[in-house]
Protein backbone atom coordinates (compact mmCIF):
# COMPACT_ATOMS: atom_id res chain seq x y z
CA MET A 1 -5.27 -2.50 -8.40
CA GLU A 2 -6.55 -6.53 -7.02
CA PHE A 3 -8.62 -7.51 -4.26
CA LEU A 4 -6.86 -10.82 -2.74
CA ARG A 5 -8.70 -13.03 -0.38
CA PHE A 6 -6.87 -13.50 2.69
CA GLY A 7 -4.12 -16.25 1.69
CA SER A 8 -5.12 -16.11 -2.17
CA SER A 9 -3.20 -18.03 -4.54
CA ILE A 10 -2.60 -14.98 -6.87
CA PRO A 11 0.37 -15.66 -6.77
CA GLY A 12 1.19 -18.96 -4.59
CA SER A 13 -0.99 -21.40 -3.31
CA TYR A 14 -1.72 -20.79 0.25
CA TRP A 15 -4.86 -21.54 2.31
CA GLY A 16 -6.76 -18.78 3.84
CA CYS A 17 -10.19 -16.93 4.43
CA CYS A 18 -12.38 -16.47 1.93
CA ALA A 19 -14.47 -13.53 4.08
CA VAL A 20 -11.38 -11.09 4.37
CA ASP A 21 -9.71 -9.55 1.36
CA ILE A 22 -6.52 -7.72 0.94
CA ILE A 23 -6.54 -4.66 -1.25
CA GLN A 24 -3.15 -3.80 -3.18
CA ASN A 25 -1.82 -0.81 -5.02
CA PHE A 26 -2.57 1.96 -3.39
CA LYS A 27 0.57 4.21 -5.03
CA PHE A 28 -1.60 5.69 -8.23
CA ASP A 29 -4.08 8.97 -8.38
CA PRO A 30 -7.68 6.92 -8.10
CA ASP A 31 -8.96 9.11 -10.86
CA THR A 32 -6.30 7.52 -12.97
CA PRO A 33 -7.65 5.25 -16.44
CA ALA A 34 -7.02 1.44 -15.19
CA SER A 35 -8.96 -1.78 -15.17
CA ILE A 36 -8.27 -5.16 -13.40
CA GLN A 37 -9.42 -8.79 -14.82
CA ILE A 38 -12.09 -10.08 -12.93
CA VAL A 39 -10.78 -13.80 -11.84
CA SER A 40 -11.17 -16.75 -9.55
CA GLY A 41 -9.71 -16.33 -6.21
CA ASP A 42 -8.11 -19.99 -6.19
CA SER A 43 -8.11 -21.03 -9.70
CA SER A 44 -7.33 -17.63 -11.39
CA THR A 45 -10.00 -18.90 -13.91
CA PRO A 46 -11.38 -15.87 -15.93
CA ILE A 47 -15.15 -14.50 -14.93
CA MET A 48 -17.09 -14.59 -17.77
CA ARG A 49 -20.53 -13.06 -18.97
CA ASN A 50 -21.85 -14.33 -22.01
CA GLY A 51 -18.79 -15.56 -23.13
CA LYS A 52 -16.69 -12.77 -22.73
CA GLY A 53 -14.10 -12.14 -19.67
CA LEU A 54 -15.24 -9.57 -17.44
CA PHE A 55 -12.87 -6.24 -15.83
CA ALA A 56 -13.28 -3.98 -13.25
CA GLY A 57 -12.69 -0.30 -14.07
CA LYS A 58 -12.06 2.18 -15.74
CA THR A 59 -10.28 4.19 -12.81
CA TYR A 60 -8.52 2.79 -9.65
CA ARG A 61 -11.44 4.61 -8.05
CA GLU A 62 -14.02 2.95 -10.22
CA ILE A 63 -12.29 -0.74 -9.18
CA PHE A 64 -12.20 -0.01 -5.79
CA LEU A 65 -15.64 0.84 -5.38
CA SER A 66 -16.94 -2.00 -7.22
CA ARG A 67 -14.42 -4.21 -5.62
CA LEU A 68 -16.22 -3.59 -2.30
CA ASN A 69 -19.25 -5.09 -3.56
CA PHE A 70 -18.81 -8.57 -4.69
CA GLY A 71 -16.53 -11.52 -3.97
CA THR A 72 -13.03 -12.92 -4.90
CA PHE A 73 -14.61 -16.42 -6.60
CA SER A 74 -17.63 -14.67 -8.78
CA SER A 75 -19.41 -11.62 -9.53
CA SER A 76 -22.45 -12.52 -6.67
CA PRO A 77 -23.13 -9.63 -4.36
CA MET A 78 -21.29 -10.25 -0.95
CA PRO A 79 -22.59 -7.95 1.80
CA ASN A 80 -21.10 -9.95 4.80
CA HIS A 81 -17.15 -9.27 3.98
CA ALA A 82 -14.18 -7.91 5.39
CA PHE A 83 -11.36 -5.84 4.09
CA ILE A 84 -7.92 -4.85 4.88
CA ALA A 85 -6.11 -1.83 3.48
CA VAL A 86 -2.68 -0.37 4.51
CA LEU A 87 -1.21 2.97 3.65
CA THR A 88 2.36 3.94 4.70
CA GLU A 89 3.32 7.22 6.56
CA ASN A 90 4.56 8.65 3.29
CA GLN A 91 1.37 7.66 1.03
CA ILE A 92 -0.64 9.49 3.10
CA SER A 93 1.51 12.57 3.25
CA SER A 94 1.42 12.43 -0.51
CA GLY A 95 -1.56 13.78 -2.50
CA TYR A 96 -2.86 10.07 -3.54
CA GLY A 97 -2.82 9.15 -0.28
CA LYS A 98 -5.06 11.77 0.99
CA LYS A 99 -7.04 10.86 -1.84
CA TRP A 100 -7.62 7.46 -0.79
CA LEU A 101 -8.10 7.89 2.73
CA LYS A 102 -11.15 10.52 2.03
CA ILE A 103 -12.36 7.11 -0.02
CA LEU A 104 -11.89 4.58 2.50
CA LYS A 105 -13.09 7.00 5.21
CA GLU A 106 -16.73 7.71 2.77
CA ASN A 107 -16.87 3.91 2.17
CA GLY A 108 -16.74 2.60 5.72
CA PHE A 109 -13.53 1.77 6.88
CA GLU A 110 -12.01 2.13 10.19
CA PHE A 111 -8.97 3.08 11.24
CA ILE A 112 -7.61 -0.25 13.38
CA ARG A 113 -4.14 0.39 14.63
CA SER A 114 -0.61 1.75 13.17
CA VAL A 115 2.64 -0.29 13.36
CA SER A 116 6.21 0.73 12.48
CA ASN A 117 7.98 -1.43 10.20
CA SER A 118 11.18 -3.76 11.30
CA VAL A 119 12.46 -3.98 7.44
CA TYR A 120 13.42 -0.38 8.00
CA THR A 121 13.65 0.25 11.66
CA GLY A 122 15.74 -2.61 12.40
CA GLY A 123 15.65 -5.59 14.92
CA ALA A 124 16.80 -4.08 18.54
CA LEU A 125 14.23 -3.42 21.25
CA ALA A 126 13.63 -0.78 23.00
CA GLU A 127 11.71 0.85 25.86
CA TYR A 128 8.29 2.11 25.53
CA THR A 129 7.68 5.71 24.64
CA PRO A 130 4.63 7.38 23.35
CA SER A 131 6.19 9.16 20.54
CA ARG A 132 4.80 7.97 16.67
CA GLY A 133 7.81 6.34 15.95
CA GLY A 134 9.06 6.08 12.17
CA ASN A 135 8.09 4.11 8.87
CA LYS A 136 4.79 3.90 10.10
CA ASN A 137 2.10 1.76 8.26
CA TYR A 138 -1.66 2.51 8.88
CA ILE A 139 -4.33 -0.41 8.74
CA PHE A 140 -7.53 0.09 8.03
CA MET A 141 -10.22 -2.16 7.70
CA LEU A 142 -13.83 -2.36 6.60
CA VAL A 143 -16.11 -5.27 8.34
CA ARG A 144 -19.40 -5.21 7.39
CA ASN A 145 -22.26 -7.68 8.53
CA ILE A 146 -25.65 -6.19 6.56
CA GLY A 147 -26.52 -9.20 4.81
CA VAL A 148 -28.09 -12.31 5.63
CA ASN A 149 -27.35 -14.03 8.63
CA GLY A 150 -25.07 -11.30 9.35
CA ASP A 151 -23.13 -11.05 12.89
CA GLY A 152 -24.99 -8.66 14.82
CA ASP A 153 -22.18 -8.70 17.49
CA SER A 154 -19.36 -8.37 15.56
CA LEU A 155 -17.10 -6.06 18.66
CA THR A 156 -17.25 -9.08 21.10
CA PRO A 157 -14.48 -11.93 20.78
CA PRO A 158 -15.88 -15.86 20.77
CA GLN A 159 -16.24 -17.20 23.94
CA GLU A 160 -13.81 -19.47 23.74
CA TRP A 161 -11.07 -16.52 23.57
CA LEU A 162 -12.84 -15.07 26.83
CA ASP A 163 -12.22 -18.15 28.60
CA LEU A 164 -8.58 -18.37 28.00
CA PRO A 165 -5.84 -16.19 30.74
CA LYS A 166 -5.83 -12.51 30.14
CA VAL A 167 -2.26 -11.69 28.57
CA LEU A 168 -3.28 -7.87 28.33
CA THR A 169 -5.87 -5.07 27.60
CA GLU A 170 -7.30 -5.55 24.41
CA ALA A 171 -8.91 -2.61 22.37
CA TRP A 172 -12.55 -3.98 22.52
CA GLU A 173 -12.39 -4.00 26.08
CA VAL A 174 -12.33 -0.41 26.16
CA THR A 175 -16.23 -0.18 25.15
CA ALA A 176 -19.27 -1.80 27.62
CA PRO A 177 -20.77 -4.68 26.06
CA THR A 178 -24.19 -2.62 25.80
CA ARG A 179 -22.18 0.02 23.82
CA ARG A 180 -20.47 -2.63 21.54
CA LEU A 181 -23.97 -3.59 20.20
CA ALA A 182 -25.01 -0.07 19.99
CA VAL A 183 -22.11 0.50 17.83
CA ALA A 184 -22.71 -2.53 15.89
CA LYS A 185 -26.59 -1.63 14.97
CA GLU A 186 -25.03 1.82 14.25
CA GLN A 187 -22.73 0.26 11.64
CA HIS A 188 -25.17 -1.91 9.95
CA ALA A 189 -27.25 0.87 9.10
CA VAL A 190 -24.50 2.95 7.69
CA HIS A 191 -22.77 0.43 5.86
CA THR A 192 -26.07 -0.43 4.20
CA GLN A 193 -26.72 3.25 3.24
CA ILE A 194 -23.03 2.87 1.70
CA TRP A 195 -23.70 -0.09 -0.15
CA ASN A 196 -27.36 0.85 -1.59
CA ARG A 197 -25.14 4.26 -2.49
CA ASN A 198 -22.64 2.19 -4.34
CA GLY A 199 -24.94 0.44 -6.18
CA PRO A 200 -24.26 -3.07 -8.03
CA PRO A 201 -20.59 -3.29 -9.57
CA VAL A 202 -20.14 -2.12 -13.29
CA PHE A 203 -18.25 -4.37 -15.57
CA TYR A 204 -16.67 -4.26 -18.44
CA THR A 205 -15.31 -6.26 -21.52
CA GLU A 206 -11.81 -5.96 -22.76
CA ASP A 207 -13.55 -4.71 -25.73
CA GLU A 208 -15.38 -1.90 -24.14
CA LEU A 209 -12.25 -1.00 -22.30
CA ASN A 210 -9.91 -0.66 -25.49
CA ALA A 211 -12.97 1.53 -26.89
CA ALA A 212 -13.19 3.89 -24.08
CA GLY A 213 -9.19 3.84 -24.35
CA VAL A 214 -8.38 2.26 -20.51
CA PRO A 215 -5.29 0.20 -20.50
CA VAL A 216 -6.45 -3.74 -20.19
CA VAL A 217 -4.70 -5.39 -17.02
CA MET A 218 -5.10 -8.90 -16.60
CA ALA A 219 -4.83 -10.36 -12.98
CA GLY A 220 -2.07 -12.40 -11.50
CA LEU A 221 -1.40 -15.80 -12.25
CA ARG A 222 -0.69 -18.92 -9.99
CA SER A 223 3.10 -18.99 -9.43
CA GLU A 224 4.71 -22.15 -11.27
CA TYR A 225 4.97 -24.23 -8.09
CA PRO A 226 3.32 -23.63 -5.18
CA GLN A 227 4.01 -24.51 -2.06
CA GLU A 228 4.54 -27.90 -1.31
CA SER A 229 7.01 -31.07 -0.80
CA LYS A 230 10.65 -31.53 -1.68
CA GLU A 231 10.03 -34.62 -3.24
CA LEU A 232 6.79 -33.20 -5.00
CA ARG A 233 8.80 -30.26 -6.46
CA ASP A 234 11.92 -32.53 -7.82
CA MET A 235 9.75 -34.77 -9.44
CA LYS A 236 8.05 -31.74 -11.47
CA ARG A 237 11.27 -30.21 -12.29
CA ALA A 238 12.63 -33.39 -13.59
CA ALA A 239 9.87 -33.95 -15.39
CA LYS A 240 10.27 -30.49 -17.32
CA LYS A 241 13.99 -31.37 -18.18
CA PRO A 242 14.29 -31.40 -22.04
CA SER A 243 15.21 -34.69 -23.76
CA LYS A 244 18.62 -35.36 -24.72
CA THR A 245 17.42 -36.56 -27.74
CA SER A 246 17.09 -33.36 -30.23
CA ALA A 247 13.76 -31.87 -31.26
CA PHE A 248 14.58 -31.56 -34.48
CA PRO A 249 15.03 -34.35 -37.65
CA GLN A 250 18.37 -34.85 -38.54
CA ALA A 251 19.95 -33.91 -41.79
CA ALA A 252 20.10 -36.48 -44.17
């Protein structure tokens, strides 16, 4: 299980937003032994403490709870942060998915929307129908503003967005402005309670994981070739080509 910043370079090399993390891997029982190496979100540099690399663990559940409290660049607390989780219909109908739904809800995640996946449903358009559709993906999000300079009105769009011509009715418009502020205040209180309840994240060293019999899982690394121009890619490939000269000494 990894938490990747939006546009993370693990793997790849993309620009994104360090205020939002995407959570990967809900395919296992949350109480299965597991770990994940803690690295910087862009360089894959291991986060160290007293000369030893840090890991989150010792189960998928503990990884999840720990990663909600620190960012993708260090082990520092991040009370103002957002997280996106997507579970498929098939995952939710399984025993593991139901366990993860409970964990998501207990930790302040909100259901945002569902979307059918065109990879499976195809590319043809259709008339609107209120049916639930097929191959659904359910999108959940935790938006937490409980630190210094946290956004106290996170349910209201920026004025620059409001100044643009209206295209469709958006979900936020269903709630009156005064109600949005009341909800934001309520969420601040609940998220603070959850933050305090979970406490600071617990980190482990590789030795501690080995002693506990927990699998040691290393973080993903940057891809060999990030997004770049063809000219630069060709130069790199040319530089990597083996020399025609033998690397071994010739027999006398």
